[in-house]
Amino acid sequence: PEELLGFKTYADQVPMRAKIVLEEL
């Protein structure tokens, strides 16, 4: 939850989520 608090909209989360997905792959 604390990772998501700073994002005003869901679209603002895209760079963070994309980075994590690439790292997992």
PDB file of all heavy atoms in Angstrom:
ATOM      1  N   PRO A   1       0.807  -1.223   0.000  1.00  0.00           N
ATOM      2  CA  PRO A   1       0.000   0.000   0.000  1.00  0.00           C
ATOM      3  C   PRO A   1       0.839   1.271   0.000  1.00  0.00           C
ATOM      4  O   PRO A   1       0.498   2.246  -0.675  1.00  0.00           O
ATOM      5  CB  PRO A   1      -0.833  -0.124   1.275  1.00  0.00           C
ATOM      6  CG  PRO A   1      -0.941  -1.602   1.504  1.00  0.00           C
ATOM      7  CD  PRO A   1       0.371  -2.175   1.038  1.00  0.00           C
ATOM      8  N   GLU A   2       1.944   1.253   0.746  1.00  0.00           N
ATOM      9  CA  GLU A   2       2.785   2.455   0.807  1.00  0.00           C
ATOM     10  C   GLU A   2       3.459   2.761  -0.529  1.00  0.00           C
ATOM     11  O   GLU A   2       3.807   3.910  -0.817  1.00  0.00           O
ATOM     12  CB  GLU A   2       3.846   2.324   1.904  1.00  0.00           C
ATOM     13  CG  GLU A   2       4.738   1.093   1.809  1.00  0.00           C
ATOM     14  CD  GLU A   2       4.198  -0.091   2.606  1.00  0.00           C
ATOM     15  OE1 GLU A   2       2.964  -0.162   2.820  1.00  0.00           O
ATOM     16  OE2 GLU A   2       5.024  -0.923   3.015  1.00  0.00           O
ATOM     17  N   GLU A   3       3.636   1.723  -1.379  1.00  0.00           N
ATOM     18  CA  GLU A   3       4.210   1.940  -2.707  1.00  0.00           C
ATOM     19  C   GLU A   3       3.233   2.669  -3.628  1.00  0.00           C
ATOM     20  O   GLU A   3       3.653   3.336  -4.577  1.00  0.00           O
ATOM     21  CB  GLU A   3       4.584   0.600  -3.354  1.00  0.00           C
ATOM     22  CG  GLU A   3       5.717  -0.132  -2.693  1.00  0.00           C
ATOM     23  CD  GLU A   3       5.996  -1.484  -3.345  1.00  0.00           C
ATOM     24  OE1 GLU A   3       5.043  -2.122  -3.830  1.00  0.00           O
ATOM     25  OE2 GLU A   3       7.176  -1.894  -3.357  1.00  0.00           O
ATOM     26  N   LEU A   4       1.950   2.546  -3.340  1.00  0.00           N
ATOM     27  CA  LEU A   4       0.924   3.092  -4.222  1.00  0.00           C
ATOM     28  C   LEU A   4       0.377   4.439  -3.757  1.00  0.00           C
ATOM     29  O   LEU A   4      -0.320   5.112  -4.516  1.00  0.00           O
ATOM     30  CB  LEU A   4      -0.236   2.095  -4.348  1.00  0.00           C
ATOM     31  CG  LEU A   4       0.140   0.679  -4.805  1.00  0.00           C
ATOM     32  CD1 LEU A   4      -1.091  -0.220  -4.784  1.00  0.00           C
ATOM     33  CD2 LEU A   4       0.752   0.694  -6.198  1.00  0.00           C
ATOM     34  N   LEU A   5       0.715   4.840  -2.541  1.00  0.00           N
ATOM     35  CA  LEU A   5       0.121   6.034  -1.953  1.00  0.00           C
ATOM     36  C   LEU A   5       0.445   7.308  -2.728  1.00  0.00           C
ATOM     37  O   LEU A   5      -0.358   8.229  -2.787  1.00  0.00           O
ATOM     38  CB  LEU A   5       0.575   6.196  -0.497  1.00  0.00           C
ATOM     39  CG  LEU A   5      -0.115   5.302   0.538  1.00  0.00           C
ATOM     40  CD1 LEU A   5       0.496   5.507   1.911  1.00  0.00           C
ATOM     41  CD2 LEU A   5      -1.619   5.612   0.576  1.00  0.00           C
ATOM     42  N   GLY A   6       1.637   7.370  -3.307  1.00  0.00           N
ATOM     43  CA  GLY A   6       2.064   8.605  -3.953  1.00  0.00           C
ATOM     44  C   GLY A   6       1.480   8.854  -5.322  1.00  0.00           C
ATOM     45  O   GLY A   6       1.761   9.894  -5.938  1.00  0.00           O
ATOM     46  N   PHE A   7       0.680   7.937  -5.834  1.00  0.00           N
ATOM     47  CA  PHE A   7       0.141   8.062  -7.182  1.00  0.00           C
ATOM     48  C   PHE A   7      -1.280   8.600  -7.144  1.00  0.00           C
ATOM     49  O   PHE A   7      -2.157   8.026  -6.490  1.00  0.00           O
ATOM     50  CB  PHE A   7       0.173   6.711  -7.899  1.00  0.00           C
ATOM     51  CG  PHE A   7       1.563   6.147  -8.056  1.00  0.00           C
ATOM     52  CD1 PHE A   7       2.009   5.109  -7.248  1.00  0.00           C
ATOM     53  CD2 PHE A   7       2.432   6.663  -9.003  1.00  0.00           C
ATOM     54  CE1 PHE A   7       3.283   4.585  -7.392  1.00  0.00           C
ATOM     55  CE2 PHE A   7       3.706   6.141  -9.163  1.00  0.00           C
ATOM     56  CZ  PHE A   7       4.137   5.112  -8.352  1.00  0.00           C
ATOM     57  N   LYS A   8      -1.501   9.682  -7.886  1.00  0.00           N
ATOM     58  CA  LYS A   8      -2.814  10.315  -7.892  1.00  0.00           C
ATOM     59  C   LYS A   8      -3.813   9.493  -8.691  1.00  0.00           C
ATOM     60  O   LYS A   8      -4.979   9.354  -8.298  1.00  0.00           O
ATOM     61  CB  LYS A   8      -2.710  11.728  -8.458  1.00  0.00           C
ATOM     62  CG  LYS A   8      -4.010  12.517  -8.367  1.00  0.00           C
ATOM     63  CD  LYS A   8      -3.830  13.942  -8.868  1.00  0.00           C
ATOM     64  CE  LYS A   8      -5.142  14.717  -8.784  1.00  0.00           C
ATOM     65  NZ  LYS A   8      -4.999  16.114  -9.274  1.00  0.00           N
ATOM     66  N   THR A   9      -3.398   8.971  -9.843  1.00  0.00           N
ATOM     67  CA  THR A   9      -4.272   8.158 -10.690  1.00  0.00           C
ATOM     68  C   THR A   9      -3.615   6.804 -10.943  1.00  0.00           C
ATOM     69  O   THR A   9      -2.410   6.635 -10.727  1.00  0.00           O
ATOM     70  CB  THR A   9      -4.548   8.836 -12.047  1.00  0.00           C
ATOM     71  OG1 THR A   9      -3.334   8.845 -12.812  1.00  0.00           O
ATOM     72  CG2 THR A   9      -5.046  10.261 -11.854  1.00  0.00           C
ATOM     73  N   TYR A  10      -4.405   5.863 -11.446  1.00  0.00           N
ATOM     74  CA  TYR A  10      -3.842   4.564 -11.784  1.00  0.00           C
ATOM     75  C   TYR A  10      -2.825   4.682 -12.917  1.00  0.00           C
ATOM     76  O   TYR A  10      -1.802   3.990 -12.926  1.00  0.00           O
ATOM     77  CB  TYR A  10      -4.956   3.586 -12.179  1.00  0.00           C
ATOM     78  CG  TYR A  10      -5.791   3.140 -11.004  1.00  0.00           C
ATOM     79  CD1 TYR A  10      -7.100   3.601 -10.838  1.00  0.00           C
ATOM     80  CD2 TYR A  10      -5.276   2.267 -10.050  1.00  0.00           C
ATOM     81  CE1 TYR A  10      -7.868   3.198  -9.758  1.00  0.00           C
ATOM     82  CE2 TYR A  10      -6.039   1.863  -8.966  1.00  0.00           C
ATOM     83  CZ  TYR A  10      -7.332   2.332  -8.826  1.00  0.00           C
ATOM     84  OH  TYR A  10      -8.077   1.934  -7.737  1.00  0.00           O
ATOM     85  N   ALA A  11      -3.082   5.578 -13.863  1.00  0.00           N
ATOM     86  CA  ALA A  11      -2.155   5.747 -14.985  1.00  0.00           C
ATOM     87  C   ALA A  11      -0.766   6.158 -14.512  1.00  0.00           C
ATOM     88  O   ALA A  11       0.247   5.794 -15.131  1.00  0.00           O
ATOM     89  CB  ALA A  11      -2.710   6.780 -15.958  1.00  0.00           C
ATOM     90  N   ASP A  12      -0.708   6.891 -13.403  1.00  0.00           N
ATOM     91  CA  ASP A  12       0.590   7.314 -12.872  1.00  0.00           C
ATOM     92  C   ASP A  12       1.428   6.128 -12.388  1.00  0.00           C
ATOM     93  O   ASP A  12       2.650   6.248 -12.228  1.00  0.00           O
ATOM     94  CB  ASP A  12       0.389   8.299 -11.715  1.00  0.00           C
ATOM     95  CG  ASP A  12      -0.243   9.604 -12.160  1.00  0.00           C
ATOM     96  OD1 ASP A  12      -0.109   9.949 -13.353  1.00  0.00           O
ATOM     97  OD2 ASP A  12      -0.875  10.277 -11.316  1.00  0.00           O
ATOM     98  N   GLN A  13       0.791   4.987 -12.160  1.00  0.00           N
ATOM     99  CA  GLN A  13       1.515   3.807 -11.663  1.00  0.00           C
ATOM    100  C   GLN A  13       2.231   3.031 -12.764  1.00  0.00           C
ATOM    101  O   GLN A  13       3.019   2.123 -12.472  1.00  0.00           O
ATOM    102  CB  GLN A  13       0.541   2.853 -10.961  1.00  0.00           C
ATOM    103  CG  GLN A  13      -0.162   3.429  -9.761  1.00  0.00           C
ATOM    104  CD  GLN A  13      -1.156   2.451  -9.152  1.00  0.00           C
ATOM    105  OE1 GLN A  13      -1.124   1.250  -9.439  1.00  0.00           O
ATOM    106  NE2 GLN A  13      -2.064   2.953  -8.323  1.00  0.00           N
ATOM    107  N   VAL A  14       1.965   3.363 -14.022  1.00  0.00           N
ATOM    108  CA  VAL A  14       2.468   2.551 -15.139  1.00  0.00           C
ATOM    109  C   VAL A  14       3.977   2.377 -15.118  1.00  0.00           C
ATOM    110  O   VAL A  14       4.479   1.241 -15.212  1.00  0.00           O
ATOM    111  CB  VAL A  14       1.988   3.125 -16.492  1.00  0.00           C
ATOM    112  CG1 VAL A  14       2.691   2.426 -17.651  1.00  0.00           C
ATOM    113  CG2 VAL A  14       0.475   2.945 -16.620  1.00  0.00           C
ATOM    114  N   PRO A  15       4.795   3.455 -15.023  1.00  0.00           N
ATOM    115  CA  PRO A  15       6.261   3.252 -15.037  1.00  0.00           C
ATOM    116  C   PRO A  15       6.741   2.331 -13.919  1.00  0.00           C
ATOM    117  O   PRO A  15       7.612   1.482 -14.138  1.00  0.00           O
ATOM    118  CB  PRO A  15       6.807   4.672 -14.880  1.00  0.00           C
ATOM    119  CG  PRO A  15       5.724   5.566 -15.392  1.00  0.00           C
ATOM    120  CD  PRO A  15       4.451   4.892 -14.984  1.00  0.00           C
ATOM    121  N   MET A  16       6.180   2.503 -12.719  1.00  0.00           N
ATOM    122  CA  MET A  16       6.583   1.667 -11.594  1.00  0.00           C
ATOM    123  C   MET A  16       6.247   0.201 -11.846  1.00  0.00           C
ATOM    124  O   MET A  16       7.097  -0.683 -11.672  1.00  0.00           O
ATOM    125  CB  MET A  16       5.892   2.164 -10.316  1.00  0.00           C
ATOM    126  CG  MET A  16       6.181   1.338  -9.068  1.00  0.00           C
ATOM    127  SD  MET A  16       5.016  -0.055  -8.781  1.00  0.00           S
ATOM    128  CE  MET A  16       3.513   0.830  -8.341  1.00  0.00           C
ATOM    129  N   ARG A  17       5.019  -0.066 -12.274  1.00  0.00           N
ATOM    130  CA  ARG A  17       4.613  -1.459 -12.495  1.00  0.00           C
ATOM    131  C   ARG A  17       5.385  -2.072 -13.666  1.00  0.00           C
ATOM    132  O   ARG A  17       5.774  -3.237 -13.611  1.00  0.00           O
ATOM    133  CB  ARG A  17       3.107  -1.541 -12.744  1.00  0.00           C
ATOM    134  CG  ARG A  17       2.259  -1.153 -11.538  1.00  0.00           C
ATOM    135  CD  ARG A  17       0.888  -1.777 -11.629  1.00  0.00           C
ATOM    136  NE  ARG A  17      -0.045  -1.244 -10.646  1.00  0.00           N
ATOM    137  CZ  ARG A  17      -1.063  -1.919 -10.119  1.00  0.00           C
ATOM    138  NH1 ARG A  17      -1.275  -3.175 -10.487  1.00  0.00           N
ATOM    139  NH2 ARG A  17      -1.897  -1.368  -9.257  1.00  0.00           N
ATOM    140  N   ALA A  18       5.606  -1.293 -14.729  1.00  0.00           N
ATOM    141  CA  ALA A  18       6.334  -1.820 -15.890  1.00  0.00           C
ATOM    142  C   ALA A  18       7.769  -2.203 -15.504  1.00  0.00           C
ATOM    143  O   ALA A  18       8.271  -3.253 -15.937  1.00  0.00           O
ATOM    144  CB  ALA A  18       6.347  -0.778 -17.007  1.00  0.00           C
ATOM    145  N   LYS A  19       8.393  -1.376 -14.719  1.00  0.00           N
ATOM    146  CA  LYS A  19       9.764  -1.665 -14.275  1.00  0.00           C
ATOM    147  C   LYS A  19       9.832  -2.967 -13.483  1.00  0.00           C
ATOM    148  O   LYS A  19      10.717  -3.812 -13.709  1.00  0.00           O
ATOM    149  CB  LYS A  19      10.291  -0.505 -13.425  1.00  0.00           C
ATOM    150  CG  LYS A  19      11.715  -0.697 -12.929  1.00  0.00           C
ATOM    151  CD  LYS A  19      12.153   0.479 -12.068  1.00  0.00           C
ATOM    152  CE  LYS A  19      13.564   0.252 -11.513  1.00  0.00           C
ATOM    153  NZ  LYS A  19      13.981   1.368 -10.627  1.00  0.00           N
ATOM    154  N   ILE A  20       8.880  -3.148 -12.573  1.00  0.00           N
ATOM    155  CA  ILE A  20       8.868  -4.362 -11.748  1.00  0.00           C
ATOM    156  C   ILE A  20       8.616  -5.599 -12.604  1.00  0.00           C
ATOM    157  O   ILE A  20       9.250  -6.648 -12.412  1.00  0.00           O
ATOM    158  CB  ILE A  20       7.804  -4.235 -10.638  1.00  0.00           C
ATOM    159  CG1 ILE A  20       8.191  -3.129  -9.665  1.00  0.00           C
ATOM    160  CG2 ILE A  20       7.642  -5.556  -9.896  1.00  0.00           C
ATOM    161  CD1 ILE A  20       7.125  -2.820  -8.624  1.00  0.00           C
ATOM    162  N   VAL A  21       7.685  -5.503 -13.568  1.00  0.00           N
ATOM    163  CA  VAL A  21       7.404  -6.640 -14.446  1.00  0.00           C
ATOM    164  C   VAL A  21       8.644  -7.016 -15.249  1.00  0.00           C
ATOM    165  O   VAL A  21       9.003  -8.208 -15.354  1.00  0.00           O
ATOM    166  CB  VAL A  21       6.221  -6.322 -15.394  1.00  0.00           C
ATOM    167  CG1 VAL A  21       6.078  -7.418 -16.454  1.00  0.00           C
ATOM    168  CG2 VAL A  21       4.925  -6.196 -14.600  1.00  0.00           C
ATOM    169  N   LEU A  22       9.324  -6.034 -15.816  1.00  0.00           N
ATOM    170  CA  LEU A  22      10.538  -6.318 -16.589  1.00  0.00           C
ATOM    171  C   LEU A  22      11.597  -6.982 -15.727  1.00  0.00           C
ATOM    172  O   LEU A  22      12.280  -7.923 -16.170  1.00  0.00           O
ATOM    173  CB  LEU A  22      11.085  -5.026 -17.191  1.00  0.00           C
ATOM    174  CG  LEU A  22      10.436  -4.555 -18.490  1.00  0.00           C
ATOM    175  CD1 LEU A  22      10.974  -3.179 -18.867  1.00  0.00           C
ATOM    176  CD2 LEU A  22      10.690  -5.550 -19.623  1.00  0.00           C
ATOM    177  N   GLU A  23      11.748  -6.505 -14.506  1.00  0.00           N
ATOM    178  CA  GLU A  23      12.732  -7.108 -13.588  1.00  0.00           C
ATOM    179  C   GLU A  23      12.384  -8.562 -13.303  1.00  0.00           C
ATOM    180  O   GLU A  23      13.275  -9.428 -13.257  1.00  0.00           O
ATOM    181  CB  GLU A  23      12.786  -6.302 -12.289  1.00  0.00           C
ATOM    182  CG  GLU A  23      13.463  -4.942 -12.446  1.00  0.00           C
ATOM    183  CD  GLU A  23      13.365  -4.099 -11.178  1.00  0.00           C
ATOM    184  OE1 GLU A  23      12.640  -4.515 -10.235  1.00  0.00           O
ATOM    185  OE2 GLU A  23      13.989  -3.032 -11.137  1.00  0.00           O
ATOM    186  N   GLU A  24      11.099  -8.856 -13.101  1.00  0.00           N
ATOM    187  CA  GLU A  24      10.676 -10.236 -12.849  1.00  0.00           C
ATOM    188  C   GLU A  24      10.989 -11.135 -14.037  1.00  0.00           C
ATOM    189  O   GLU A  24      11.461 -12.267 -13.882  1.00  0.00           O
ATOM    190  CB  GLU A  24       9.177 -10.290 -12.547  1.00  0.00           C
ATOM    191  CG  GLU A  24       8.792  -9.793 -11.173  1.00  0.00           C
ATOM    192  CD  GLU A  24       9.208 -10.742 -10.062  1.00  0.00           C
ATOM    193  OE1 GLU A  24       9.530 -11.912 -10.356  1.00  0.00           O
ATOM    194  OE2 GLU A  24       9.234 -10.301  -8.903  1.00  0.00           O
ATOM    195  N   LEU A  25      10.731 -10.638 -15.240  1.00  0.00           N
ATOM    196  CA  LEU A  25      10.999 -11.423 -16.437  1.00  0.00           C
ATOM    197  C   LEU A  25      12.487 -11.716 -16.579  1.00  0.00           C
ATOM    198  O   LEU A  25      12.894 -12.854 -16.855  1.00  0.00           O
ATOM    199  CB  LEU A  25      10.480 -10.693 -17.675  1.00  0.00           C
ATOM    200  CG  LEU A  25       8.964 -10.473 -17.761  1.00  0.00           C
ATOM    201  CD1 LEU A  25       8.618  -9.599 -18.962  1.00  0.00           C
ATOM    202  CD2 LEU A  25       8.226 -11.809 -17.856  1.00  0.00           C
TER     203      LEU A  25
END
